[in-house]
Amino acid sequence: MEKLENLKKKIIYRSQYRGTKEMDMLLHKFVKYYIDELDSKDLYDLHELLKTEDEILFNFYQFGKKDESLQENRISSLFRNFKI
């Protein structure tokens, strides 16, 4: 349980400090909305998603442009369909 709480803290921090203000805002809102609903697998998938470069994530979110660095899973689907 403590391990998952630490992972959640890392995810929240990483979602706020991306490098571009737009992705900071988008990812932080996404994380805040879903983080308490996610199981351990989803949390690990989200942690991996946050390792992806901002430009790739933005193009995926905005235009549906897929990249080999993005895994197709529940988290990427939730992110792609997330509306602010």
PDB file of N, CA and C in Angstrom:
ATOM      1  N   MET A   1       0.820  -1.193   0.000  1.00  0.00           N
ATOM      2  CA  MET A   1       0.000   0.000   0.000  1.00  0.00           C
ATOM      3  C   MET A   1       0.866   1.260   0.000  1.00  0.00           C
ATOM      4  N   GLU A   2       1.873   1.273   0.833  1.00  0.00           N
ATOM      5  CA  GLU A   2       2.774   2.432   0.899  1.00  0.00           C
ATOM      6  C   GLU A   2       3.484   2.634  -0.437  1.00  0.00           C
ATOM      7  N   LYS A   3       3.816   1.541  -1.100  1.00  0.00           N
ATOM      8  CA  LYS A   3       4.491   1.612  -2.395  1.00  0.00           C
ATOM      9  C   LYS A   3       3.598   2.321  -3.425  1.00  0.00           C
ATOM     10  N   LEU A   4       2.315   2.012  -3.410  1.00  0.00           N
ATOM     11  CA  LEU A   4       1.398   2.659  -4.343  1.00  0.00           C
ATOM     12  C   LEU A   4       1.204   4.133  -4.007  1.00  0.00           C
ATOM     13  N   GLU A   5       1.181   4.462  -2.741  1.00  0.00           N
ATOM     14  CA  GLU A   5       1.052   5.869  -2.349  1.00  0.00           C
ATOM     15  C   GLU A   5       2.273   6.666  -2.802  1.00  0.00           C
ATOM     16  N   ASN A   6       3.444   6.089  -2.693  1.00  0.00           N
ATOM     17  CA  ASN A   6       4.661   6.755  -3.169  1.00  0.00           C
ATOM     18  C   ASN A   6       4.620   6.935  -4.682  1.00  0.00           C
ATOM     19  N   LEU A   7       4.124   5.911  -5.383  1.00  0.00           N
ATOM     20  CA  LEU A   7       3.999   6.000  -6.832  1.00  0.00           C
ATOM     21  C   LEU A   7       3.020   7.113  -7.201  1.00  0.00           C
ATOM     22  N   LYS A   8       1.922   7.210  -6.495  1.00  0.00           N
ATOM     23  CA  LYS A   8       0.952   8.281  -6.749  1.00  0.00           C
ATOM     24  C   LYS A   8       1.594   9.654  -6.571  1.00  0.00           C
ATOM     25  N   LYS A   9       2.384   9.807  -5.526  1.00  0.00           N
ATOM     26  CA  LYS A   9       3.062  11.084  -5.293  1.00  0.00           C
ATOM     27  C   LYS A   9       4.020  11.418  -6.435  1.00  0.00           C
ATOM     28  N   LYS A  10       4.749  10.434  -6.918  1.00  0.00           N
ATOM     29  CA  LYS A  10       5.664  10.643  -8.049  1.00  0.00           C
ATOM     30  C   LYS A  10       4.890  11.043  -9.298  1.00  0.00           C
ATOM     31  N   ILE A  11       3.776  10.371  -9.527  1.00  0.00           N
ATOM     32  CA  ILE A  11       2.954  10.661 -10.699  1.00  0.00           C
ATOM     33  C   ILE A  11       2.410  12.086 -10.627  1.00  0.00           C
ATOM     34  N   ILE A  12       1.898  12.458  -9.488  1.00  0.00           N
ATOM     35  CA  ILE A  12       1.357  13.811  -9.323  1.00  0.00           C
ATOM     36  C   ILE A  12       2.446  14.855  -9.560  1.00  0.00           C
ATOM     37  N   TYR A  13       3.604  14.647  -8.978  1.00  0.00           N
ATOM     38  CA  TYR A  13       4.713  15.582  -9.160  1.00  0.00           C
ATOM     39  C   TYR A  13       5.108  15.669 -10.634  1.00  0.00           C
ATOM     40  N   ARG A  14       5.279  14.519 -11.266  1.00  0.00           N
ATOM     41  CA  ARG A  14       5.725  14.481 -12.666  1.00  0.00           C
ATOM     42  C   ARG A  14       4.689  15.111 -13.597  1.00  0.00           C
ATOM     43  N   SER A  15       3.423  14.993 -13.240  1.00  0.00           N
ATOM     44  CA  SER A  15       2.387  15.571 -14.093  1.00  0.00           C
ATOM     45  C   SER A  15       2.402  17.099 -14.042  1.00  0.00           C
ATOM     46  N   GLN A  16       2.930  17.674 -12.981  1.00  0.00           N
ATOM     47  CA  GLN A  16       2.955  19.128 -12.817  1.00  0.00           C
ATOM     48  C   GLN A  16       4.195  19.794 -13.393  1.00  0.00           C
ATOM     49  N   TYR A  17       5.249  19.054 -13.539  1.00  0.00           N
ATOM     50  CA  TYR A  17       6.528  19.632 -13.962  1.00  0.00           C
ATOM     51  C   TYR A  17       7.050  18.901 -15.187  1.00  0.00           C
ATOM     52  N   ARG A  18       6.498  19.268 -16.341  1.00  0.00           N
ATOM     53  CA  ARG A  18       6.794  18.597 -17.589  1.00  0.00           C
ATOM     54  C   ARG A  18       7.854  19.316 -18.409  1.00  0.00           C
ATOM     55  N   GLY A  19       7.744  20.610 -18.472  1.00  0.00           N
ATOM     56  CA  GLY A  19       8.639  21.370 -19.331  1.00  0.00           C
ATOM     57  C   GLY A  19       7.872  22.400 -20.136  1.00  0.00           C
ATOM     58  N   THR A  20       6.657  22.034 -20.561  1.00  0.00           N
ATOM     59  CA  THR A  20       5.808  23.012 -21.231  1.00  0.00           C
ATOM     60  C   THR A  20       4.577  23.255 -20.366  1.00  0.00           C
ATOM     61  N   LYS A  21       4.194  24.494 -20.267  1.00  0.00           N
ATOM     62  CA  LYS A  21       3.082  24.876 -19.395  1.00  0.00           C
ATOM     63  C   LYS A  21       1.777  24.206 -19.815  1.00  0.00           C
ATOM     64  N   GLU A  22       1.568  24.070 -21.127  1.00  0.00           N
ATOM     65  CA  GLU A  22       0.348  23.453 -21.619  1.00  0.00           C
ATOM     66  C   GLU A  22       0.233  21.995 -21.158  1.00  0.00           C
ATOM     67  N   MET A  23       1.326  21.266 -21.248  1.00  0.00           N
ATOM     68  CA  MET A  23       1.305  19.858 -20.836  1.00  0.00           C
ATOM     69  C   MET A  23       1.253  19.739 -19.321  1.00  0.00           C
ATOM     70  N   ASP A  24       1.863  20.688 -18.609  1.00  0.00           N
ATOM     71  CA  ASP A  24       1.732  20.714 -17.148  1.00  0.00           C
ATOM     72  C   ASP A  24       0.257  20.762 -16.764  1.00  0.00           C
ATOM     73  N   MET A  25      -0.458  21.679 -17.383  1.00  0.00           N
ATOM     74  CA  MET A  25      -1.866  21.871 -17.051  1.00  0.00           C
ATOM     75  C   MET A  25      -2.709  20.668 -17.466  1.00  0.00           C
ATOM     76  N   LEU A  26      -2.534  20.210 -18.674  1.00  0.00           N
ATOM     77  CA  LEU A  26      -3.323  19.093 -19.183  1.00  0.00           C
ATOM     78  C   LEU A  26      -3.084  17.820 -18.372  1.00  0.00           C
ATOM     79  N   LEU A  27      -1.837  17.452 -18.209  1.00  0.00           N
ATOM     80  CA  LEU A  27      -1.536  16.205 -17.511  1.00  0.00           C
ATOM     81  C   LEU A  27      -1.878  16.268 -16.031  1.00  0.00           C
ATOM     82  N   HIS A  28      -1.683  17.414 -15.421  1.00  0.00           N
ATOM     83  CA  HIS A  28      -2.027  17.520 -14.008  1.00  0.00           C
ATOM     84  C   HIS A  28      -3.543  17.376 -13.802  1.00  0.00           C
ATOM     85  N   LYS A  29      -4.321  18.000 -14.659  1.00  0.00           N
ATOM     86  CA  LYS A  29      -5.779  17.854 -14.561  1.00  0.00           C
ATOM     87  C   LYS A  29      -6.197  16.407 -14.807  1.00  0.00           C
ATOM     88  N   PHE A  30      -5.589  15.781 -15.786  1.00  0.00           N
ATOM     89  CA  PHE A  30      -5.884  14.380 -16.080  1.00  0.00           C
ATOM     90  C   PHE A  30      -5.564  13.495 -14.881  1.00  0.00           C
ATOM     91  N   VAL A  31      -4.382  13.669 -14.312  1.00  0.00           N
ATOM     92  CA  VAL A  31      -3.957  12.875 -13.160  1.00  0.00           C
ATOM     93  C   VAL A  31      -4.873  13.118 -11.968  1.00  0.00           C
ATOM     94  N   LYS A  32      -5.160  14.361 -11.672  1.00  0.00           N
ATOM     95  CA  LYS A  32      -6.037  14.676 -10.537  1.00  0.00           C
ATOM     96  C   LYS A  32      -7.415  14.031 -10.701  1.00  0.00           C
ATOM     97  N   TYR A  33      -7.910  14.003 -11.921  1.00  0.00           N
ATOM     98  CA  TYR A  33      -9.236  13.458 -12.184  1.00  0.00           C
ATOM     99  C   TYR A  33      -9.290  11.943 -11.963  1.00  0.00           C
ATOM    100  N   TYR A  34      -8.237  11.224 -12.371  1.00  0.00           N
ATOM    101  CA  TYR A  34      -8.277   9.759 -12.378  1.00  0.00           C
ATOM    102  C   TYR A  34      -7.484   9.059 -11.276  1.00  0.00           C
ATOM    103  N   ILE A  35      -6.537   9.698 -10.661  1.00  0.00           N
ATOM    104  CA  ILE A  35      -5.553   8.986  -9.850  1.00  0.00           C
ATOM    105  C   ILE A  35      -6.157   8.125  -8.737  1.00  0.00           C
ATOM    106  N   ASP A  36      -7.200   8.558  -8.117  1.00  0.00           N
ATOM    107  CA  ASP A  36      -7.781   7.786  -7.020  1.00  0.00           C
ATOM    108  C   ASP A  36      -8.644   6.614  -7.485  1.00  0.00           C
ATOM    109  N   GLU A  37      -8.921   6.563  -8.775  1.00  0.00           N
ATOM    110  CA  GLU A  37      -9.717   5.472  -9.341  1.00  0.00           C
ATOM    111  C   GLU A  37      -8.862   4.355  -9.936  1.00  0.00           C
ATOM    112  N   LEU A  38      -7.560   4.564 -10.027  1.00  0.00           N
ATOM    113  CA  LEU A  38      -6.697   3.641 -10.754  1.00  0.00           C
ATOM    114  C   LEU A  38      -6.190   2.511  -9.869  1.00  0.00           C
ATOM    115  N   ASP A  39      -6.115   1.328 -10.464  1.00  0.00           N
ATOM    116  CA  ASP A  39      -5.520   0.191  -9.752  1.00  0.00           C
ATOM    117  C   ASP A  39      -4.007   0.215  -9.979  1.00  0.00           C
ATOM    118  N   SER A  40      -3.312  -0.737  -9.406  1.00  0.00           N
ATOM    119  CA  SER A  40      -1.849  -0.729  -9.474  1.00  0.00           C
ATOM    120  C   SER A  40      -1.327  -0.823 -10.911  1.00  0.00           C
ATOM    121  N   LYS A  41      -1.946  -1.645 -11.752  1.00  0.00           N
ATOM    122  CA  LYS A  41      -1.499  -1.762 -13.147  1.00  0.00           C
ATOM    123  C   LYS A  41      -1.666  -0.426 -13.868  1.00  0.00           C
ATOM    124  N   ASP A  42      -2.824   0.205 -13.672  1.00  0.00           N
ATOM    125  CA  ASP A  42      -3.061   1.501 -14.308  1.00  0.00           C
ATOM    126  C   ASP A  42      -2.083   2.563 -13.816  1.00  0.00           C
ATOM    127  N   LEU A  43      -1.755   2.538 -12.543  1.00  0.00           N
ATOM    128  CA  LEU A  43      -0.784   3.499 -12.010  1.00  0.00           C
ATOM    129  C   LEU A  43       0.584   3.313 -12.659  1.00  0.00           C
ATOM    130  N   TYR A  44       0.996   2.068 -12.831  1.00  0.00           N
ATOM    131  CA  TYR A  44       2.279   1.820 -13.493  1.00  0.00           C
ATOM    132  C   TYR A  44       2.225   2.245 -14.959  1.00  0.00           C
ATOM    133  N   ASP A  45       1.096   1.997 -15.611  1.00  0.00           N
ATOM    134  CA  ASP A  45       0.946   2.441 -17.000  1.00  0.00           C
ATOM    135  C   ASP A  45       0.974   3.966 -17.094  1.00  0.00           C
ATOM    136  N   LEU A  46       0.346   4.640 -16.150  1.00  0.00           N
ATOM    137  CA  LEU A  46       0.359   6.103 -16.119  1.00  0.00           C
ATOM    138  C   LEU A  46       1.773   6.621 -15.878  1.00  0.00           C
ATOM    139  N   HIS A  47       2.486   5.979 -14.988  1.00  0.00           N
ATOM    140  CA  HIS A  47       3.884   6.353 -14.728  1.00  0.00           C
ATOM    141  C   HIS A  47       4.701   6.247 -16.021  1.00  0.00           C
ATOM    142  N   GLU A  48       4.470   5.212 -16.793  1.00  0.00           N
ATOM    143  CA  GLU A  48       5.181   5.040 -18.071  1.00  0.00           C
ATOM    144  C   GLU A  48       4.756   6.102 -19.080  1.00  0.00           C
ATOM    145  N   LEU A  49       3.473   6.410 -19.125  1.00  0.00           N
ATOM    146  CA  LEU A  49       2.986   7.431 -20.044  1.00  0.00           C
ATOM    147  C   LEU A  49       3.663   8.768 -19.771  1.00  0.00           C
ATOM    148  N   LEU A  50       3.861   9.072 -18.501  1.00  0.00           N
ATOM    149  CA  LEU A  50       4.470  10.349 -18.132  1.00  0.00           C
ATOM    150  C   LEU A  50       5.954  10.439 -18.499  1.00  0.00           C
ATOM    151  N   LYS A  51       6.547   9.337 -18.863  1.00  0.00           N
ATOM    152  CA  LYS A  51       7.937   9.349 -19.331  1.00  0.00           C
ATOM    153  C   LYS A  51       8.044   9.766 -20.799  1.00  0.00           C
ATOM    154  N   THR A  52       6.908   9.828 -21.472  1.00  0.00           N
ATOM    155  CA  THR A  52       6.868  10.172 -22.890  1.00  0.00           C
ATOM    156  C   THR A  52       7.071  11.672 -23.074  1.00  0.00           C
ATOM    157  N   GLU A  53       7.744  12.035 -24.149  1.00  0.00           N
ATOM    158  CA  GLU A  53       8.026  13.442 -24.437  1.00  0.00           C
ATOM    159  C   GLU A  53       6.732  14.221 -24.651  1.00  0.00           C
ATOM    160  N   ASP A  54       6.756  15.485 -24.266  1.00  0.00           N
ATOM    161  CA  ASP A  54       5.579  16.347 -24.377  1.00  0.00           C
ATOM    162  C   ASP A  54       5.035  16.422 -25.802  1.00  0.00           C
ATOM    163  N   GLU A  55       5.897  16.579 -26.762  1.00  0.00           N
ATOM    164  CA  GLU A  55       5.448  16.718 -28.151  1.00  0.00           C
ATOM    165  C   GLU A  55       4.690  15.476 -28.618  1.00  0.00           C
ATOM    166  N   ILE A  56       5.172  14.312 -28.252  1.00  0.00           N
ATOM    167  CA  ILE A  56       4.502  13.065 -28.625  1.00  0.00           C
ATOM    168  C   ILE A  56       3.142  12.968 -27.940  1.00  0.00           C
ATOM    169  N   LEU A  57       3.100  13.290 -26.657  1.00  0.00           N
ATOM    170  CA  LEU A  57       1.831  13.258 -25.925  1.00  0.00           C
ATOM    171  C   LEU A  57       0.841  14.277 -26.475  1.00  0.00           C
ATOM    172  N   PHE A  58       1.318  15.462 -26.784  1.00  0.00           N
ATOM    173  CA  PHE A  58       0.431  16.483 -27.327  1.00  0.00           C
ATOM    174  C   PHE A  58      -0.159  16.046 -28.664  1.00  0.00           C
ATOM    175  N   ASN A  59       0.678  15.540 -29.541  1.00  0.00           N
ATOM    176  CA  ASN A  59       0.194  15.085 -30.849  1.00  0.00           C
ATOM    177  C   ASN A  59      -0.780  13.919 -30.718  1.00  0.00           C
ATOM    178  N   PHE A  60      -0.543  13.062 -29.769  1.00  0.00           N
ATOM    179  CA  PHE A  60      -1.460  11.952 -29.515  1.00  0.00           C
ATOM    180  C   PHE A  60      -2.789  12.471 -28.978  1.00  0.00           C
ATOM    181  N   TYR A  61      -2.729  13.371 -28.029  1.00  0.00           N
ATOM    182  CA  TYR A  61      -3.933  13.923 -27.419  1.00  0.00           C
ATOM    183  C   TYR A  61      -4.733  14.768 -28.413  1.00  0.00           C
ATOM    184  N   GLN A  62      -4.053  15.665 -29.075  1.00  0.00           N
ATOM    185  CA  GLN A  62      -4.733  16.632 -29.935  1.00  0.00           C
ATOM    186  C   GLN A  62      -5.152  16.056 -31.283  1.00  0.00           C
ATOM    187  N   PHE A  63      -4.291  15.241 -31.889  1.00  0.00           N
ATOM    188  CA  PHE A  63      -4.533  14.790 -33.258  1.00  0.00           C
ATOM    189  C   PHE A  63      -4.703  13.281 -33.386  1.00  0.00           C
ATOM    190  N   GLY A  64      -4.547  12.551 -32.289  1.00  0.00           N
ATOM    191  CA  GLY A  64      -4.662  11.090 -32.347  1.00  0.00           C
ATOM    192  C   GLY A  64      -3.480  10.427 -33.025  1.00  0.00           C
ATOM    193  N   LYS A  65      -2.389  11.165 -33.159  1.00  0.00           N
ATOM    194  CA  LYS A  65      -1.194  10.649 -33.828  1.00  0.00           C
ATOM    195  C   LYS A  65      -0.497   9.637 -32.913  1.00  0.00           C
ATOM    196  N   LYS A  66      -0.400   8.405 -33.380  1.00  0.00           N
ATOM    197  CA  LYS A  66       0.213   7.352 -32.571  1.00  0.00           C
ATOM    198  C   LYS A  66       1.723   7.345 -32.764  1.00  0.00           C
ATOM    199  N   ASP A  67       2.407   6.905 -31.747  1.00  0.00           N
ATOM    200  CA  ASP A  67       3.860   6.823 -31.750  1.00  0.00           C
ATOM    201  C   ASP A  67       4.248   5.491 -31.136  1.00  0.00           C
ATOM    202  N   GLU A  68       5.331   4.940 -31.587  1.00  0.00           N
ATOM    203  CA  GLU A  68       5.757   3.633 -31.080  1.00  0.00           C
ATOM    204  C   GLU A  68       6.116   3.661 -29.599  1.00  0.00           C
ATOM    205  N   SER A  69       6.398   4.835 -29.052  1.00  0.00           N
ATOM    206  CA  SER A  69       6.739   4.927 -27.634  1.00  0.00           C
ATOM    207  C   SER A  69       5.504   4.897 -26.733  1.00  0.00           C
ATOM    208  N   LEU A  70       4.326   5.048 -27.319  1.00  0.00           N
ATOM    209  CA  LEU A  70       3.082   5.020 -26.543  1.00  0.00           C
ATOM    210  C   LEU A  70       2.471   3.624 -26.590  1.00  0.00           C
ATOM    211  N   GLN A  71       2.212   3.084 -25.432  1.00  0.00           N
ATOM    212  CA  GLN A  71       1.565   1.781 -25.352  1.00  0.00           C
ATOM    213  C   GLN A  71       0.060   1.968 -25.472  1.00  0.00           C
ATOM    214  N   GLU A  72      -0.586   1.017 -26.123  1.00  0.00           N
ATOM    215  CA  GLU A  72      -2.044   1.045 -26.174  1.00  0.00           C
ATOM    216  C   GLU A  72      -2.552   0.303 -24.952  1.00  0.00           C
ATOM    217  N   ASN A  73      -3.185   1.043 -24.052  1.00  0.00           N
ATOM    218  CA  ASN A  73      -3.738   0.454 -22.837  1.00  0.00           C
ATOM    219  C   ASN A  73      -4.870   1.359 -22.340  1.00  0.00           C
ATOM    220  N   ARG A  74      -5.410   1.014 -21.215  1.00  0.00           N
ATOM    221  CA  ARG A  74      -6.533   1.779 -20.666  1.00  0.00           C
ATOM    222  C   ARG A  74      -6.143   3.236 -20.408  1.00  0.00           C
ATOM    223  N   ILE A  75      -4.965   3.466 -19.902  1.00  0.00           N
ATOM    224  CA  ILE A  75      -4.516   4.830 -19.579  1.00  0.00           C
ATOM    225  C   ILE A  75      -4.382   5.689 -20.833  1.00  0.00           C
ATOM    226  N   SER A  76      -3.771   5.156 -21.874  1.00  0.00           N
ATOM    227  CA  SER A  76      -3.631   5.948 -23.097  1.00  0.00           C
ATOM    228  C   SER A  76      -5.006   6.253 -23.700  1.00  0.00           C
ATOM    229  N   SER A  77      -5.926   5.325 -23.585  1.00  0.00           N
ATOM    230  CA  SER A  77      -7.287   5.557 -24.063  1.00  0.00           C
ATOM    231  C   SER A  77      -7.985   6.638 -23.236  1.00  0.00           C
ATOM    232  N   LEU A  78      -7.875   6.557 -21.917  1.00  0.00           N
ATOM    233  CA  LEU A  78      -8.456   7.591 -21.056  1.00  0.00           C
ATOM    234  C   LEU A  78      -7.854   8.963 -21.362  1.00  0.00           C
ATOM    235  N   PHE A  79      -6.554   9.002 -21.549  1.00  0.00           N
ATOM    236  CA  PHE A  79      -5.874  10.258 -21.831  1.00  0.00           C
ATOM    237  C   PHE A  79      -6.339  10.836 -23.165  1.00  0.00           C
ATOM    238  N   ARG A  80      -6.385  10.001 -24.181  1.00  0.00           N
ATOM    239  CA  ARG A  80      -6.784  10.454 -25.522  1.00  0.00           C
ATOM    240  C   ARG A  80      -8.202  11.029 -25.507  1.00  0.00           C
ATOM    241  N   ASN A  81      -9.074  10.492 -24.684  1.00  0.00           N
ATOM    242  CA  ASN A  81     -10.467  10.918 -24.648  1.00  0.00           C
ATOM    243  C   ASN A  81     -10.781  11.924 -23.545  1.00  0.00           C
ATOM    244  N   PHE A  82      -9.769  12.322 -22.788  1.00  0.00           N
ATOM    245  CA  PHE A  82      -9.954  13.254 -21.681  1.00  0.00           C
ATOM    246  C   PHE A  82     -10.280  14.649 -22.210  1.00  0.00           C
ATOM    247  N   LYS A  83     -11.301  15.252 -21.634  1.00  0.00           N
ATOM    248  CA  LYS A  83     -11.675  16.627 -22.008  1.00  0.00           C
ATOM    249  C   LYS A  83     -11.535  17.527 -20.794  1.00  0.00           C
ATOM    250  N   ILE A  84     -10.880  18.636 -20.994  1.00  0.00           N
ATOM    251  CA  ILE A  84     -10.656  19.589 -19.899  1.00  0.00           C
ATOM    252  C   ILE A  84     -11.934  20.364 -19.629  1.00  0.00           C
TER     253      ILE A  84
END
